[in-house]
C-alpha cells in the first residue's frame, strides 16, 4: 500500500502546474502566405526592404535664351491679300503700317488681333525727293514745328493701337536733329518707342531719341533687299548670328509674299539651331 502511494506522488510531481502553457509549436507558412514585402513577418527576423528603383533618365536642361531678335515687317497697308498669310505665322512679328493707305487700318487691326505688334511706319523726306516719294502723311524738312506735330498726330490717328514708330525713307529728315527733336517730344508724350531704319549712315535718330527719353533701337540687318528666297534665308541667318554675338538684333523686311514664306519656313529651323536666341516683339528689344 505504501509503495502505491509513493508511485502516485512521483507521478503528480512530474506534471506541470495548471494554467501555464508552453509556447505553441510554430506553424509552417506556405510560400504564397509570406508577409508582404516591407511589412514585419510573424516570425522573428529583420523586415524585408524594397530595393530602390532606378531614377528615369532626365532630358538635358534647355538652354536659357540669352539673346533677342526682333523682326519688323515694313510697308503694311498696300496689300491686304497678304494679311491671312502673315496672321498665320506662329511667332512674334512686328508690323510697321504706313498711314493713309487703303488697307492700313484694316490690316493693322487684323494683324494685331492675330498677335502681331503694330508700329507706325512714319514717312519722312528722302534725299531725292520728289523723285522718291515717301507717300501720304510724310514729314518734310521744309515743315514748321507745328506742321510736323500736326502731321504726326494725324498719322497716329490713322493707325490706331501702335506701340512704336520707325521711319519710312527719311535719309534727309533723319539727319536734322532740330526736326527730330519735335518728333521725339511727341513720341514721348504718347509713350511710344522708336526704331531707326538707318536709311542713311548719317542718321541722328537714335541719338536724339535717347536724349529725349524715348526708348529706341536700330536696324541690324535688312532681310530682303533682294526679293529672292535664298538671299532672304541667308540674311535671316545673319540676323540670328548678330543677335548671338551682340545679344540683340533687329531685322527689317517688307510685306511681300516671298519674305513671309521664308520667315515661316526658316525661323523655326533657326530657333532650333540657335536655342539661346529668343524671338520677341520690337517693344521688348528697345532701351
C-alpha atoms as a PDB file:
ATOM      1  CA  UNK A   1       0.000   0.000   0.000  1.00  0.00           C
ATOM      2  CA  UNK A   2       2.782   2.427   0.930  1.00  0.00           C
ATOM      3  CA  UNK A   3       4.513   1.565  -2.324  1.00  0.00           C
ATOM      4  CA  UNK A   4       1.418   2.548  -4.347  1.00  0.00           C
ATOM      5  CA  UNK A   5       1.209   5.938  -2.584  1.00  0.00           C
ATOM      6  CA  UNK A   6       4.850   6.703  -3.322  1.00  0.00           C
ATOM      7  CA  UNK A   7       4.327   5.935  -7.024  1.00  0.00           C
ATOM      8  CA  UNK A   8       1.270   8.289  -7.189  1.00  0.00           C
ATOM      9  CA  UNK A   9       3.202  11.131  -5.539  1.00  0.00           C
ATOM     10  CA  UNK A  10       6.036  10.773  -8.025  1.00  0.00           C
ATOM     11  CA  UNK A  11       3.622  10.994 -10.990  1.00  0.00           C
ATOM     12  CA  UNK A  12       1.941  14.154  -9.598  1.00  0.00           C
ATOM     13  CA  UNK A  13       5.296  15.958  -9.126  1.00  0.00           C
ATOM     14  CA  UNK A  14       6.213  15.403 -12.806  1.00  0.00           C
ATOM     15  CA  UNK A  15       3.007  17.158 -14.106  1.00  0.00           C
ATOM     16  CA  UNK A  16       3.237  20.978 -14.991  1.00  0.00           C
ATOM     17  CA  UNK A  17       1.269  23.423 -12.863  1.00  0.00           C
ATOM     18  CA  UNK A  18      -2.292  24.076 -14.010  1.00  0.00           C
ATOM     19  CA  UNK A  19      -2.925  27.302 -16.072  1.00  0.00           C
ATOM     20  CA  UNK A  20       0.602  27.567 -17.591  1.00  0.00           C
ATOM     21  CA  UNK A  21       1.120  26.526 -21.157  1.00  0.00           C
ATOM     22  CA  UNK A  22       4.308  26.374 -23.193  1.00  0.00           C
ATOM     23  CA  UNK A  23       4.753  28.290 -26.455  1.00  0.00           C
ATOM     24  CA  UNK A  24       2.732  26.911 -29.302  1.00  0.00           C
ATOM     25  CA  UNK A  25       4.539  24.925 -31.884  1.00  0.00           C
ATOM     26  CA  UNK A  26       5.473  27.010 -34.899  1.00  0.00           C
ATOM     27  CA  UNK A  27       3.044  26.694 -37.773  1.00  0.00           C
ATOM     28  CA  UNK A  28       4.626  26.276 -41.166  1.00  0.00           C
ATOM     29  CA  UNK A  29       3.864  29.139 -43.558  1.00  0.00           C
ATOM     30  CA  UNK A  30       3.390  28.442 -47.225  1.00  0.00           C
ATOM     31  CA  UNK A  31       5.322  30.481 -49.754  1.00  0.00           C
ATOM     32  CA  UNK A  32       2.165  32.173 -51.024  1.00  0.00           C
ATOM     33  CA  UNK A  33       1.289  33.257 -47.462  1.00  0.00           C
ATOM     34  CA  UNK A  34       4.558  35.078 -46.759  1.00  0.00           C
ATOM     35  CA  UNK A  35       4.368  38.560 -45.259  1.00  0.00           C
ATOM     36  CA  UNK A  36       4.203  41.359 -47.850  1.00  0.00           C
ATOM     37  CA  UNK A  37       7.472  42.976 -48.802  1.00  0.00           C
ATOM     38  CA  UNK A  38       8.231  45.856 -46.448  1.00  0.00           C
ATOM     39  CA  UNK A  39       5.963  44.586 -43.607  1.00  0.00           C
ATOM     40  CA  UNK A  40       7.097  42.736 -40.488  1.00  0.00           C
ATOM     41  CA  UNK A  41       6.569  38.988 -40.724  1.00  0.00           C
ATOM     42  CA  UNK A  42       5.113  36.920 -37.835  1.00  0.00           C
ATOM     43  CA  UNK A  43       8.421  35.167 -37.407  1.00  0.00           C
ATOM     44  CA  UNK A  44      11.376  36.873 -35.832  1.00  0.00           C
ATOM     45  CA  UNK A  45      13.920  38.485 -38.155  1.00  0.00           C
ATOM     46  CA  UNK A  46      14.562  41.809 -39.937  1.00  0.00           C
ATOM     47  CA  UNK A  47      11.774  43.253 -42.074  1.00  0.00           C
ATOM     48  CA  UNK A  48      12.203  42.987 -45.830  1.00  0.00           C
ATOM     49  CA  UNK A  49      13.123  46.313 -47.522  1.00  0.00           C
ATOM     50  CA  UNK A  50      12.048  47.245 -51.038  1.00  0.00           C
ATOM     51  CA  UNK A  51      15.016  47.705 -53.374  1.00  0.00           C
ATOM     52  CA  UNK A  52      15.430  51.337 -54.591  1.00  0.00           C
ATOM     53  CA  UNK A  53      14.103  51.937 -58.065  1.00  0.00           C
ATOM     54  CA  UNK A  54      16.487  53.493 -60.587  1.00  0.00           C
ATOM     55  CA  UNK A  55      15.757  57.128 -61.485  1.00  0.00           C
ATOM     56  CA  UNK A  56      14.393  57.592 -65.017  1.00  0.00           C
ATOM     57  CA  UNK A  57      16.802  59.325 -67.374  1.00  0.00           C
ATOM     58  CA  UNK A  58      16.346  63.108 -67.347  1.00  0.00           C
ATOM     59  CA  UNK A  59      16.247  65.115 -70.587  1.00  0.00           C
ATOM     60  CA  UNK A  60      19.023  67.673 -70.980  1.00  0.00           C
ATOM     61  CA  UNK A  61      18.193  71.033 -69.443  1.00  0.00           C
ATOM     62  CA  UNK A  62      17.085  73.581 -72.067  1.00  0.00           C
ATOM     63  CA  UNK A  63      19.496  76.379 -72.814  1.00  0.00           C
ATOM     64  CA  UNK A  64      18.023  79.604 -71.391  1.00  0.00           C
ATOM     65  CA  UNK A  65      17.738  82.327 -74.043  1.00  0.00           C
ATOM     66  CA  UNK A  66      20.360  84.996 -73.564  1.00  0.00           C
ATOM     67  CA  UNK A  67      19.919  86.967 -76.802  1.00  0.00           C
ATOM     68  CA  UNK A  68      16.948  88.564 -78.539  1.00  0.00           C
ATOM     69  CA  UNK A  69      15.851  89.055 -82.145  1.00  0.00           C
ATOM     70  CA  UNK A  70      13.021  91.285 -83.341  1.00  0.00           C
ATOM     71  CA  UNK A  71      11.734  91.121 -86.909  1.00  0.00           C
ATOM     72  CA  UNK A  72       9.937  94.200 -88.269  1.00  0.00           C
ATOM     73  CA  UNK A  73       7.880  93.929 -91.451  1.00  0.00           C
ATOM     74  CA  UNK A  74       7.587  97.286 -93.226  1.00  0.00           C
ATOM     75  CA  UNK A  75       5.140  98.750 -95.744  1.00  0.00           C
ATOM     76  CA  UNK A  76       1.927  97.182 -94.461  1.00  0.00           C
ATOM     77  CA  UNK A  77      -1.108  98.890 -95.994  1.00  0.00           C
ATOM     78  CA  UNK A  78      -0.655  98.207 -99.699  1.00  0.00           C
ATOM     79  CA  UNK A  79      -1.595  94.524 -99.904  1.00  0.00           C
ATOM     80  CA  UNK A  80      -4.345  93.237 -97.620  1.00  0.00           C
ATOM     81  CA  UNK A  81      -4.286  89.936 -99.535  1.00  0.00           C
ATOM     82  CA  UNK A  82      -1.191  89.047 -97.504  1.00  0.00           C
ATOM     83  CA  UNK A  83      -2.940  89.529 -94.153  1.00  0.00           C
ATOM     84  CA  UNK A  84      -4.090  85.908 -93.882  1.00  0.00           C
ATOM     85  CA  UNK A  85      -0.600  84.564 -94.593  1.00  0.00           C
ATOM     86  CA  UNK A  86       1.017  86.961 -92.126  1.00  0.00           C
ATOM     87  CA  UNK A  87      -1.594  86.265 -89.444  1.00  0.00           C
ATOM     88  CA  UNK A  88      -0.860  82.543 -89.587  1.00  0.00           C
ATOM     89  CA  UNK A  89       2.843  82.853 -88.745  1.00  0.00           C
ATOM     90  CA  UNK A  90       3.115  81.404 -85.213  1.00  0.00           C
ATOM     91  CA  UNK A  91       5.912  83.502 -83.708  1.00  0.00           C
ATOM     92  CA  UNK A  92       6.320  87.165 -82.750  1.00  0.00           C
ATOM     93  CA  UNK A  93       6.465  89.655 -85.598  1.00  0.00           C
ATOM     94  CA  UNK A  94       6.176  93.438 -85.544  1.00  0.00           C
ATOM     95  CA  UNK A  95       4.307  95.074 -88.432  1.00  0.00           C
ATOM     96  CA  UNK A  96       5.078  98.669 -89.485  1.00  0.00           C
ATOM     97  CA  UNK A  97       1.961 100.159 -91.087  1.00  0.00           C
ATOM     98  CA  UNK A  98       2.036 103.131 -93.452  1.00  0.00           C
ATOM     99  CA  UNK A  99      -0.591 105.807 -92.736  1.00  0.00           C
ATOM    100  CA  UNK A 100      -3.353 106.790 -95.114  1.00  0.00           C
ATOM    101  CA  UNK A 101      -3.311 103.798 -97.492  1.00  0.00           C
ATOM    102  CA  UNK A 102      -6.430 101.886 -98.499  1.00  0.00           C
ATOM    103  CA  UNK A 103      -5.731  98.867 -96.294  1.00  0.00           C
ATOM    104  CA  UNK A 104      -3.731 100.477 -93.471  1.00  0.00           C
ATOM    105  CA  UNK A 105      -6.305 100.487 -90.684  1.00  0.00           C
ATOM    106  CA  UNK A 106      -7.917  97.146 -91.600  1.00  0.00           C
ATOM    107  CA  UNK A 107      -4.601  95.303 -91.952  1.00  0.00           C
ATOM    108  CA  UNK A 108      -3.363  96.747 -88.660  1.00  0.00           C
ATOM    109  CA  UNK A 109      -6.488  95.519 -86.887  1.00  0.00           C
ATOM    110  CA  UNK A 110      -6.232  92.006 -88.385  1.00  0.00           C
ATOM    111  CA  UNK A 111      -2.539  91.603 -87.627  1.00  0.00           C
ATOM    112  CA  UNK A 112      -2.920  92.930 -84.100  1.00  0.00           C
ATOM    113  CA  UNK A 113      -5.807  90.531 -83.380  1.00  0.00           C
ATOM    114  CA  UNK A 114      -3.571  87.665 -84.602  1.00  0.00           C
ATOM    115  CA  UNK A 115      -0.899  88.556 -82.046  1.00  0.00           C
ATOM    116  CA  UNK A 116       1.310  90.879 -84.065  1.00  0.00           C
ATOM    117  CA  UNK A 117       2.689  94.094 -82.648  1.00  0.00           C
ATOM    118  CA  UNK A 118       1.841  97.221 -84.642  1.00  0.00           C
ATOM    119  CA  UNK A 119       4.097 100.192 -85.398  1.00  0.00           C
ATOM    120  CA  UNK A 120       3.533 103.358 -87.369  1.00  0.00           C
ATOM    121  CA  UNK A 121       5.812 103.289 -90.421  1.00  0.00           C
ATOM    122  CA  UNK A 122       6.318 107.054 -90.419  1.00  0.00           C
ATOM    123  CA  UNK A 123       7.129 108.525 -93.872  1.00  0.00           C
ATOM    124  CA  UNK A 124       9.985 111.039 -93.872  1.00  0.00           C
ATOM    125  CA  UNK A 125      11.623 113.055 -96.610  1.00  0.00           C
ATOM    126  CA  UNK A 126      14.362 111.198 -98.553  1.00  0.00           C
ATOM    127  CA  UNK A 127      17.368 112.816-100.179  1.00  0.00           C
ATOM    128  CA  UNK A 128      15.985 112.540-103.728  1.00  0.00           C
ATOM    129  CA  UNK A 129      12.509 113.954-103.141  1.00  0.00           C
ATOM    130  CA  UNK A 130      10.352 114.386-105.218  1.00  0.00           C
ATOM    131  CA  UNK A 131      11.946 111.725-107.406  1.00  0.00           C
ATOM    132  CA  UNK A 132      11.408 109.392-104.461  1.00  0.00           C
ATOM    133  CA  UNK A 133       8.003 110.000-102.906  1.00  0.00           C
ATOM    134  CA  UNK A 134       7.536 108.879 -99.268  1.00  0.00           C
ATOM    135  CA  UNK A 135       3.751 108.900 -99.682  1.00  0.00           C
ATOM    136  CA  UNK A 136       0.884 110.335 -97.633  1.00  0.00           C
ATOM    137  CA  UNK A 137       1.492 111.555 -94.111  1.00  0.00           C
ATOM    138  CA  UNK A 138       5.178 112.329 -94.676  1.00  0.00           C
ATOM    139  CA  UNK A 139       7.302 114.699 -92.612  1.00  0.00           C
ATOM    140  CA  UNK A 140       9.392 117.154 -94.637  1.00  0.00           C
ATOM    141  CA  UNK A 141      12.332 119.339 -93.742  1.00  0.00           C
ATOM    142  CA  UNK A 142      10.502 122.457 -95.018  1.00  0.00           C
ATOM    143  CA  UNK A 143       7.662 121.987 -92.474  1.00  0.00           C
ATOM    144  CA  UNK A 144       7.295 124.167 -89.404  1.00  0.00           C
ATOM    145  CA  UNK A 145       7.481 122.513 -85.994  1.00  0.00           C
ATOM    146  CA  UNK A 146       3.745 122.822 -85.623  1.00  0.00           C
ATOM    147  CA  UNK A 147       3.123 121.222 -89.046  1.00  0.00           C
ATOM    148  CA  UNK A 148       5.367 118.296 -88.025  1.00  0.00           C
ATOM    149  CA  UNK A 149       3.413 117.800 -84.785  1.00  0.00           C
ATOM    150  CA  UNK A 150       0.046 118.032 -86.535  1.00  0.00           C
ATOM    151  CA  UNK A 151       1.053 115.596 -89.295  1.00  0.00           C
ATOM    152  CA  UNK A 152       2.465 113.084 -86.816  1.00  0.00           C
ATOM    153  CA  UNK A 153      -0.662 113.195 -84.662  1.00  0.00           C
ATOM    154  CA  UNK A 154      -2.841 112.577 -87.724  1.00  0.00           C
ATOM    155  CA  UNK A 155      -0.662 109.625 -88.785  1.00  0.00           C
ATOM    156  CA  UNK A 156      -1.029 108.093 -85.325  1.00  0.00           C
ATOM    157  CA  UNK A 157      -4.797 108.552 -85.558  1.00  0.00           C
ATOM    158  CA  UNK A 158      -4.891 106.751 -88.907  1.00  0.00           C
ATOM    159  CA  UNK A 159      -3.035 103.708 -87.487  1.00  0.00           C
ATOM    160  CA  UNK A 160      -4.595 103.185 -84.043  1.00  0.00           C
ATOM    161  CA  UNK A 161      -3.144 100.840 -81.462  1.00  0.00           C
ATOM    162  CA  UNK A 162       0.528 101.315 -82.303  1.00  0.00           C
ATOM    163  CA  UNK A 163       3.261 100.556 -79.783  1.00  0.00           C
ATOM    164  CA  UNK A 164       6.069 102.372 -81.573  1.00  0.00           C
ATOM    165  CA  UNK A 165       7.314 104.076 -84.723  1.00  0.00           C
ATOM    166  CA  UNK A 166      10.006 103.529 -87.343  1.00  0.00           C
ATOM    167  CA  UNK A 167      10.930 105.679 -90.310  1.00  0.00           C
ATOM    168  CA  UNK A 168       9.914 105.049 -93.912  1.00  0.00           C
ATOM    169  CA  UNK A 169      12.661 106.515 -96.125  1.00  0.00           C
ATOM    170  CA  UNK A 170      13.877 109.659 -94.310  1.00  0.00           C
ATOM    171  CA  UNK A 171      17.505 109.835 -95.404  1.00  0.00           C
ATOM    172  CA  UNK A 172      17.228 113.647 -95.465  1.00  0.00           C
ATOM    173  CA  UNK A 173      14.923 114.140 -92.470  1.00  0.00           C
ATOM    174  CA  UNK A 174      16.764 111.838 -90.035  1.00  0.00           C
ATOM    175  CA  UNK A 175      19.967 113.912 -90.187  1.00  0.00           C
ATOM    176  CA  UNK A 176      18.139 117.024 -88.911  1.00  0.00           C
ATOM    177  CA  UNK A 177      18.438 116.964 -85.129  1.00  0.00           C
ATOM    178  CA  UNK A 178      16.304 120.126 -84.737  1.00  0.00           C
ATOM    179  CA  UNK A 179      13.367 118.453 -86.516  1.00  0.00           C
ATOM    180  CA  UNK A 180      13.865 115.068 -84.871  1.00  0.00           C
ATOM    181  CA  UNK A 181      13.597 116.831 -81.501  1.00  0.00           C
ATOM    182  CA  UNK A 182       9.992 117.774 -82.361  1.00  0.00           C
ATOM    183  CA  UNK A 183       9.191 114.187 -83.383  1.00  0.00           C
ATOM    184  CA  UNK A 184      10.595 112.649 -80.214  1.00  0.00           C
ATOM    185  CA  UNK A 185       8.895 115.141 -77.928  1.00  0.00           C
ATOM    186  CA  UNK A 186       5.626 113.971 -79.452  1.00  0.00           C
ATOM    187  CA  UNK A 187       6.521 110.268 -79.228  1.00  0.00           C
ATOM    188  CA  UNK A 188       7.483 110.645 -75.590  1.00  0.00           C
ATOM    189  CA  UNK A 189       4.115 112.278 -74.897  1.00  0.00           C
ATOM    190  CA  UNK A 190       2.391 109.236 -76.450  1.00  0.00           C
ATOM    191  CA  UNK A 191       4.768 106.781 -74.670  1.00  0.00           C
ATOM    192  CA  UNK A 192       5.940 105.231 -77.938  1.00  0.00           C
ATOM    193  CA  UNK A 193       9.322 103.732 -78.819  1.00  0.00           C
ATOM    194  CA  UNK A 194      11.312 104.414 -81.992  1.00  0.00           C
ATOM    195  CA  UNK A 195      13.370 102.144 -84.253  1.00  0.00           C
ATOM    196  CA  UNK A 196      15.793 103.771 -86.667  1.00  0.00           C
ATOM    197  CA  UNK A 197      15.599 102.024 -90.033  1.00  0.00           C
ATOM    198  CA  UNK A 198      19.009 103.550 -90.852  1.00  0.00           C
ATOM    199  CA  UNK A 199      18.323 104.582 -94.430  1.00  0.00           C
ATOM    200  CA  UNK A 200      21.484 106.694 -94.197  1.00  0.00           C
ATOM    201  CA  UNK A 201      24.687 106.204 -92.274  1.00  0.00           C
ATOM    202  CA  UNK A 202      24.476 109.877 -91.186  1.00  0.00           C
ATOM    203  CA  UNK A 203      21.250 109.354 -89.238  1.00  0.00           C
ATOM    204  CA  UNK A 204      20.954 111.043 -85.839  1.00  0.00           C
ATOM    205  CA  UNK A 205      17.619 109.456 -84.947  1.00  0.00           C
ATOM    206  CA  UNK A 206      18.642 107.059 -82.187  1.00  0.00           C
ATOM    207  CA  UNK A 207      20.967 109.584 -80.559  1.00  0.00           C
ATOM    208  CA  UNK A 208      18.235 112.236 -80.415  1.00  0.00           C
ATOM    209  CA  UNK A 209      15.637 109.679 -79.255  1.00  0.00           C
ATOM    210  CA  UNK A 210      17.771 108.727 -76.249  1.00  0.00           C
ATOM    211  CA  UNK A 211      18.454 112.379 -75.464  1.00  0.00           C
ATOM    212  CA  UNK A 212      14.683 112.916 -75.162  1.00  0.00           C
ATOM    213  CA  UNK A 213      13.939 109.788 -73.147  1.00  0.00           C
ATOM    214  CA  UNK A 214      12.329 107.768 -75.961  1.00  0.00           C
ATOM    215  CA  UNK A 215      13.125 104.002 -75.880  1.00  0.00           C
ATOM    216  CA  UNK A 216      14.895 103.204 -79.125  1.00  0.00           C
ATOM    217  CA  UNK A 217      16.661 100.627 -81.254  1.00  0.00           C
ATOM    218  CA  UNK A 218      18.282 100.433 -84.660  1.00  0.00           C
ATOM    219  CA  UNK A 219      18.096  98.126 -87.641  1.00  0.00           C
ATOM    220  CA  UNK A 220      20.855  95.499 -87.702  1.00  0.00           C
ATOM    221  CA  UNK A 221      20.091  93.613 -90.937  1.00  0.00           C
ATOM    222  CA  UNK A 222      17.918  94.286 -93.987  1.00  0.00           C
ATOM    223  CA  UNK A 223      16.357  90.945 -94.840  1.00  0.00           C
ATOM    224  CA  UNK A 224      15.096  91.368 -98.381  1.00  0.00           C
ATOM    225  CA  UNK A 225      16.965  93.886-100.455  1.00  0.00           C
ATOM    226  CA  UNK A 226      16.702  91.035-102.959  1.00  0.00           C
ATOM    227  CA  UNK A 227      13.263  89.507-103.422  1.00  0.00           C
ATOM    228  CA  UNK A 228      14.806  86.046-103.592  1.00  0.00           C
ATOM    229  CA  UNK A 229      14.136  83.185-101.161  1.00  0.00           C
ATOM    230  CA  UNK A 230      17.739  82.006-100.861  1.00  0.00           C
ATOM    231  CA  UNK A 231      19.055  85.525-100.344  1.00  0.00           C
ATOM    232  CA  UNK A 232      16.425  86.234 -97.695  1.00  0.00           C
ATOM    233  CA  UNK A 233      17.225  82.974 -95.891  1.00  0.00           C
ATOM    234  CA  UNK A 234      20.914  83.898 -95.824  1.00  0.00           C
ATOM    235  CA  UNK A 235      20.157  87.357 -94.410  1.00  0.00           C
ATOM    236  CA  UNK A 236      17.850  85.831 -91.822  1.00  0.00           C
ATOM    237  CA  UNK A 237      20.601  83.519 -90.603  1.00  0.00           C
ATOM    238  CA  UNK A 238      22.948  86.508 -90.470  1.00  0.00           C
ATOM    239  CA  UNK A 239      20.416  88.234 -88.218  1.00  0.00           C
ATOM    240  CA  UNK A 240      20.489  85.341 -85.743  1.00  0.00           C
ATOM    241  CA  UNK A 241      24.292  85.343 -85.783  1.00  0.00           C
ATOM    242  CA  UNK A 242      24.361  89.057 -84.994  1.00  0.00           C
ATOM    243  CA  UNK A 243      21.929  88.522 -82.118  1.00  0.00           C
ATOM    244  CA  UNK A 244      24.073  85.718 -80.696  1.00  0.00           C
ATOM    245  CA  UNK A 245      27.189  87.880 -80.872  1.00  0.00           C
ATOM    246  CA  UNK A 246      25.700  91.255 -79.856  1.00  0.00           C
ATOM    247  CA  UNK A 247      22.961  89.905 -77.526  1.00  0.00           C
ATOM    248  CA  UNK A 248      20.249  91.683 -79.557  1.00  0.00           C
ATOM    249  CA  UNK A 249      19.453  92.402 -83.194  1.00  0.00           C
ATOM    250  CA  UNK A 250      16.633  93.910 -85.249  1.00  0.00           C
ATOM    251  CA  UNK A 251      15.867  92.713 -88.759  1.00  0.00           C
ATOM    252  CA  UNK A 252      13.688  94.642 -91.189  1.00  0.00           C
ATOM    253  CA  UNK A 253      11.908  93.136 -94.178  1.00  0.00           C
ATOM    254  CA  UNK A 254       8.974  94.064 -96.369  1.00  0.00           C
ATOM    255  CA  UNK A 255       5.364  92.955 -96.626  1.00  0.00           C
ATOM    256  CA  UNK A 256       5.956  90.569 -99.525  1.00  0.00           C
ATOM    257  CA  UNK A 257       4.842  87.011-100.097  1.00  0.00           C
ATOM    258  CA  UNK A 258       8.396  85.713-100.593  1.00  0.00           C
ATOM    259  CA  UNK A 259       9.605  87.307 -97.354  1.00  0.00           C
ATOM    260  CA  UNK A 260       6.675  85.950 -95.320  1.00  0.00           C
ATOM    261  CA  UNK A 261       7.065  82.418 -96.746  1.00  0.00           C
ATOM    262  CA  UNK A 262      10.789  82.361 -95.958  1.00  0.00           C
ATOM    263  CA  UNK A 263      10.115  83.562 -92.422  1.00  0.00           C
ATOM    264  CA  UNK A 264       7.508  80.854 -91.901  1.00  0.00           C
ATOM    265  CA  UNK A 265       9.862  78.085 -93.053  1.00  0.00           C
ATOM    266  CA  UNK A 266      13.269  79.295 -91.840  1.00  0.00           C
ATOM    267  CA  UNK A 267      12.656  80.860 -88.422  1.00  0.00           C
ATOM    268  CA  UNK A 268      11.628  77.555 -86.734  1.00  0.00           C
ATOM    269  CA  UNK A 269      14.841  75.946 -88.027  1.00  0.00           C
ATOM    270  CA  UNK A 270      16.961  78.864 -86.842  1.00  0.00           C
ATOM    271  CA  UNK A 271      15.353  78.792 -83.408  1.00  0.00           C
ATOM    272  CA  UNK A 272      16.444  75.167 -83.080  1.00  0.00           C
ATOM    273  CA  UNK A 273      19.927  75.939 -84.395  1.00  0.00           C
ATOM    274  CA  UNK A 274      20.354  78.954 -82.076  1.00  0.00           C
ATOM    275  CA  UNK A 275      18.473  77.946 -78.898  1.00  0.00           C
ATOM    276  CA  UNK A 276      19.993  80.822 -76.940  1.00  0.00           C
ATOM    277  CA  UNK A 277      18.289  83.369 -79.236  1.00  0.00           C
ATOM    278  CA  UNK A 278      14.699  84.349 -78.436  1.00  0.00           C
ATOM    279  CA  UNK A 279      12.368  85.963 -80.966  1.00  0.00           C
ATOM    280  CA  UNK A 280      10.476  88.935 -79.460  1.00  0.00           C
ATOM    281  CA  UNK A 281       8.371  91.909 -80.475  1.00  0.00           C
ATOM    282  CA  UNK A 282      10.213  95.155 -81.086  1.00  0.00           C
ATOM    283  CA  UNK A 283       8.937  96.684 -77.835  1.00  0.00           C
ATOM    284  CA  UNK A 284      10.969  94.081 -75.879  1.00  0.00           C
ATOM    285  CA  UNK A 285      14.277  94.920 -77.520  1.00  0.00           C
ATOM    286  CA  UNK A 286      14.389  98.725 -77.321  1.00  0.00           C
ATOM    287  CA  UNK A 287      16.070 100.562 -74.466  1.00  0.00           C
END
